[in-house]
Amino acid sequence: MTVSAAQRDEPEPARSGQGHRTTTTEVGRFCVAACSCGWRGPARRARSQARTDAETHLAGL
């Protein structure tokens, strides 16, 4: 199994008064959303779904 270099989207801007910043990282065929607070979403095949996971995390704060 070969793992390619991770590709990152730019972090989402932190919401006012909150230090949370989300990113998406590609690992092989999957994309994972993560937050600066330590939260990490499930591996997704669709980048759009990983971004939705990150948006849902930020909305739940």
C-alpha atoms as a PDB file:
ATOM      1  CA  MET A   1       0.000   0.000   0.000  1.00  0.00           C
ATOM      2  CA  THR A   2       1.359   3.397  -0.966  1.00  0.00           C
ATOM      3  CA  VAL A   3       0.411   6.540   0.920  1.00  0.00           C
ATOM      4  CA  SER A   4       0.811   9.738  -1.042  1.00  0.00           C
ATOM      5  CA  ALA A   5       1.709  13.087   0.432  1.00  0.00           C
ATOM      6  CA  ALA A   6      -1.148  14.742   2.266  1.00  0.00           C
ATOM      7  CA  GLN A   7      -2.876  17.664   0.603  1.00  0.00           C
ATOM      8  CA  ARG A   8      -4.379  20.295   2.874  1.00  0.00           C
ATOM      9  CA  ASP A   9      -7.108  22.822   2.248  1.00  0.00           C
ATOM     10  CA  GLU A  10      -6.654  26.219   3.827  1.00  0.00           C
ATOM     11  CA  PRO A  11      -7.936  26.452   7.400  1.00  0.00           C
ATOM     12  CA  GLU A  12     -11.337  27.955   8.030  1.00  0.00           C
ATOM     13  CA  PRO A  13     -11.098  31.340   9.719  1.00  0.00           C
ATOM     14  CA  ALA A  14     -11.672  31.219  13.474  1.00  0.00           C
ATOM     15  CA  ARG A  15     -15.089  32.423  14.551  1.00  0.00           C
ATOM     16  CA  SER A  16     -15.154  35.550  16.650  1.00  0.00           C
ATOM     17  CA  GLY A  17     -14.032  34.801  20.187  1.00  0.00           C
ATOM     18  CA  GLN A  18     -13.188  31.188  19.419  1.00  0.00           C
ATOM     19  CA  GLY A  19      -9.810  29.684  18.617  1.00  0.00           C
ATOM     20  CA  HIS A  20     -11.106  26.791  16.523  1.00  0.00           C
ATOM     21  CA  ARG A  21      -9.561  26.358  13.075  1.00  0.00           C
ATOM     22  CA  THR A  22     -10.477  23.466  10.820  1.00  0.00           C
ATOM     23  CA  THR A  23      -8.500  21.849   8.022  1.00  0.00           C
ATOM     24  CA  THR A  24      -9.025  18.953   5.668  1.00  0.00           C
ATOM     25  CA  THR A  25      -6.206  16.552   4.882  1.00  0.00           C
ATOM     26  CA  GLU A  26      -6.073  14.014   2.088  1.00  0.00           C
ATOM     27  CA  VAL A  27      -4.502  10.662   2.912  1.00  0.00           C
ATOM     28  CA  GLY A  28      -4.550   8.313  -0.033  1.00  0.00           C
ATOM     29  CA  ARG A  29      -8.134   8.104  -1.295  1.00  0.00           C
ATOM     30  CA  PHE A  30      -9.631   9.611   1.840  1.00  0.00           C
ATOM     31  CA  CYS A  31     -10.110  13.104   3.232  1.00  0.00           C
ATOM     32  CA  VAL A  32     -10.254  13.857   6.956  1.00  0.00           C
ATOM     33  CA  ALA A  33     -11.424  17.046   8.675  1.00  0.00           C
ATOM     34  CA  ALA A  34      -9.661  18.132  11.861  1.00  0.00           C
ATOM     35  CA  CYS A  35      -9.843  21.068  14.267  1.00  0.00           C
ATOM     36  CA  SER A  36      -7.233  22.857  16.333  1.00  0.00           C
ATOM     37  CA  CYS A  37      -9.158  21.800  19.475  1.00  0.00           C
ATOM     38  CA  GLY A  38      -8.250  18.153  18.812  1.00  0.00           C
ATOM     39  CA  TRP A  39     -11.514  17.056  17.170  1.00  0.00           C
ATOM     40  CA  ARG A  40     -11.109  14.803  14.144  1.00  0.00           C
ATOM     41  CA  GLY A  41     -13.841  13.661  11.778  1.00  0.00           C
ATOM     42  CA  PRO A  42     -14.186  10.305  10.064  1.00  0.00           C
ATOM     43  CA  ALA A  43     -12.285   9.495   6.877  1.00  0.00           C
ATOM     44  CA  ARG A  44     -14.401  10.370   3.844  1.00  0.00           C
ATOM     45  CA  ARG A  45     -13.977   9.674   0.155  1.00  0.00           C
ATOM     46  CA  ALA A  46     -15.624  12.992  -0.742  1.00  0.00           C
ATOM     47  CA  ARG A  47     -13.819  16.223   0.138  1.00  0.00           C
ATOM     48  CA  SER A  48     -17.165  17.998   0.288  1.00  0.00           C
ATOM     49  CA  GLN A  49     -18.389  15.636   3.018  1.00  0.00           C
ATOM     50  CA  ALA A  50     -15.232  16.177   5.074  1.00  0.00           C
ATOM     51  CA  ARG A  51     -15.775  19.940   4.774  1.00  0.00           C
ATOM     52  CA  THR A  52     -19.394  19.461   5.871  1.00  0.00           C
ATOM     53  CA  ASP A  53     -18.141  17.495   8.906  1.00  0.00           C
ATOM     54  CA  ALA A  54     -15.899  20.462   9.809  1.00  0.00           C
ATOM     55  CA  GLU A  55     -18.733  22.968   9.358  1.00  0.00           C
ATOM     56  CA  THR A  56     -21.007  20.821  11.531  1.00  0.00           C
ATOM     57  CA  HIS A  57     -18.313  20.699  14.223  1.00  0.00           C
ATOM     58  CA  LEU A  58     -17.948  24.496  14.210  1.00  0.00           C
ATOM     59  CA  ALA A  59     -21.720  25.003  14.279  1.00  0.00           C
ATOM     60  CA  GLY A  60     -22.020  22.780  17.353  1.00  0.00           C
ATOM     61  CA  LEU A  61     -19.688  24.961  19.437  1.00  0.00           C
END
